[in-house]
Amino acid sequence: MNASTLTWTSIGRGRAIRTGFAALVAGALLLGSAGQAAAYPEVVARTAPPALRYESVGVAPSPHHFWVGGYWGYRPHYGYAWNGGRWYAPRPGYRWEGARWAPRGGAWHFAPGHWHHR
């Protein structure tokens, strides 16, 4: 029996579902890791972001975690929206570079937070 003649009954429905699910997960992982290396689409706003919000920082989940403050995100036709801060665990060999807005050419350009290899 070759691959073109496989049917639900010849391999079993459960096995076919598990095989399909495994392929789906593998594809998602592959695309997800490729997406991390790809650049984010540039976000540009005509107006400056609002002032940063005060955030109450609770207790860290562990002594190794560090707090990354929130930032203003921007969506065309909706405007600015606050994204609250959160705790991150350090990654060996990397440092965290926080999200930031920078004025350039009469507009505001957003750079998302990301891990930077040392």
Protein backbone atom coordinates (compact mmCIF):
# COMPACT_ATOMS: atom_id res chain seq x y z
CA MET A 1 0.00 0.00 0.00
CA ASN A 2 1.51 3.36 -0.96
CA ALA A 3 0.82 6.76 0.57
CA SER A 4 -1.74 7.66 -2.09
CA THR A 5 -3.99 4.73 -1.15
CA LEU A 6 -4.06 5.35 2.61
CA THR A 7 -7.59 5.81 3.89
CA TRP A 8 -9.24 6.45 7.23
CA THR A 9 -9.99 2.76 7.59
CA SER A 10 -6.57 1.48 6.52
CA ILE A 11 -4.61 3.49 9.11
CA GLY A 12 -7.33 4.04 11.66
CA ARG A 13 -9.14 7.28 12.32
CA GLY A 14 -7.38 7.94 15.67
CA ARG A 15 -3.94 7.47 14.18
CA ALA A 16 -4.81 9.75 11.25
CA ILE A 17 -6.00 12.45 13.64
CA ARG A 18 -2.86 12.13 15.79
CA THR A 19 -0.64 12.25 12.70
CA GLY A 20 -2.47 15.30 11.36
CA PHE A 21 -2.31 17.03 14.73
CA ALA A 22 1.43 16.32 15.03
CA ALA A 23 1.98 17.80 11.55
CA LEU A 24 -0.05 20.86 12.50
CA VAL A 25 1.94 21.40 15.71
CA ALA A 26 5.25 20.91 13.89
CA GLY A 27 4.22 23.44 11.25
CA ALA A 28 3.15 25.96 13.87
CA LEU A 29 6.44 25.60 15.72
CA LEU A 30 8.38 25.99 12.51
CA LEU A 31 6.45 29.09 11.48
CA GLY A 32 6.56 30.49 15.00
CA SER A 33 10.34 30.25 15.20
CA ALA A 34 10.69 31.78 11.73
CA GLY A 35 8.40 34.61 12.79
CA GLN A 36 10.65 35.48 15.71
CA ALA A 37 13.55 36.10 13.36
CA ALA A 38 11.45 38.19 10.99
CA ALA A 39 11.15 41.93 11.50
CA TYR A 40 7.89 43.30 12.82
CA PRO A 41 5.92 45.53 10.47
CA GLU A 42 6.75 49.13 11.23
CA VAL A 43 4.18 50.99 13.32
CA VAL A 44 4.02 54.73 12.70
CA ALA A 45 1.72 57.25 14.38
CA ARG A 46 1.24 60.92 13.55
CA THR A 47 0.80 61.94 17.18
CA ALA A 48 3.03 61.33 20.18
CA PRO A 49 2.07 58.51 22.55
CA PRO A 50 0.48 59.48 25.88
CA ALA A 51 2.61 59.60 29.01
CA LEU A 52 3.47 56.20 30.47
CA ARG A 53 1.01 54.91 33.04
CA TYR A 54 1.91 54.17 36.62
CA GLU A 55 1.86 50.42 37.23
CA SER A 56 1.76 48.75 40.59
CA VAL A 57 4.45 46.09 40.51
CA GLY A 58 3.66 43.06 42.65
CA VAL A 59 5.99 40.39 43.93
CA ALA A 60 8.21 38.66 41.38
CA PRO A 61 7.42 34.99 40.67
CA SER A 62 11.04 34.20 41.56
CA PRO A 63 14.18 36.09 42.61
CA HIS A 64 15.43 35.76 39.02
CA HIS A 65 12.47 37.41 37.26
CA PHE A 66 12.61 41.07 36.27
CA TRP A 67 9.83 43.56 35.61
CA VAL A 68 9.27 45.01 32.14
CA GLY A 69 7.07 48.07 32.28
CA GLY A 70 4.08 48.55 30.03
CA TYR A 71 3.98 50.56 26.82
CA TRP A 72 1.54 52.26 24.51
CA GLY A 73 0.75 50.24 21.39
CA TYR A 74 -0.90 51.79 18.36
CA ARG A 75 -3.48 50.53 15.88
CA PRO A 76 -4.54 52.62 12.90
CA HIS A 77 -8.20 53.71 13.09
CA TYR A 78 -8.25 52.91 16.85
CA GLY A 79 -5.34 54.89 18.26
CA TYR A 80 -3.18 54.16 21.27
CA ALA A 81 -3.89 51.30 23.68
CA TRP A 82 -2.02 50.47 26.87
CA ASN A 83 -0.22 47.12 27.14
CA GLY A 84 0.47 46.40 30.79
CA GLY A 85 3.87 45.36 32.10
CA ARG A 86 4.81 41.85 33.15
CA TRP A 87 7.50 39.74 34.74
CA TYR A 88 10.08 38.03 32.53
CA ALA A 89 12.55 35.30 33.33
CA PRO A 90 16.07 36.02 32.09
CA ARG A 91 17.41 34.15 29.06
CA PRO A 92 21.09 33.20 29.28
CA GLY A 93 23.14 35.00 26.63
CA TYR A 94 20.41 37.59 25.98
CA ARG A 95 19.33 40.95 27.35
CA TRP A 96 15.87 42.49 27.16
CA GLU A 97 15.45 45.66 25.12
CA GLY A 98 12.21 47.40 26.03
CA ALA A 99 9.58 48.76 23.67
CA ARG A 100 10.01 52.40 22.73
CA TRP A 101 8.65 55.22 20.58
CA ALA A 102 11.00 57.56 18.72
CA PRO A 103 10.19 60.75 16.82
CA ARG A 104 11.46 60.68 13.24
CA GLY A 105 10.47 62.62 10.14
CA GLY A 106 7.46 64.33 11.71
CA ALA A 107 5.95 61.06 12.99
CA TRP A 108 6.40 58.62 15.87
CA HIS A 109 7.94 55.21 15.13
CA PHE A 110 7.48 52.20 17.41
CA ALA A 111 10.13 49.59 18.17
CA PRO A 112 8.69 46.56 20.05
CA GLY A 113 10.47 45.05 23.01
CA HIS A 114 12.63 42.03 22.19
CA TRP A 115 15.45 39.82 23.36
CA HIS A 116 18.86 40.90 22.06
CA HIS A 117 21.71 38.41 21.82
CA ARG A 118 24.78 39.68 23.70
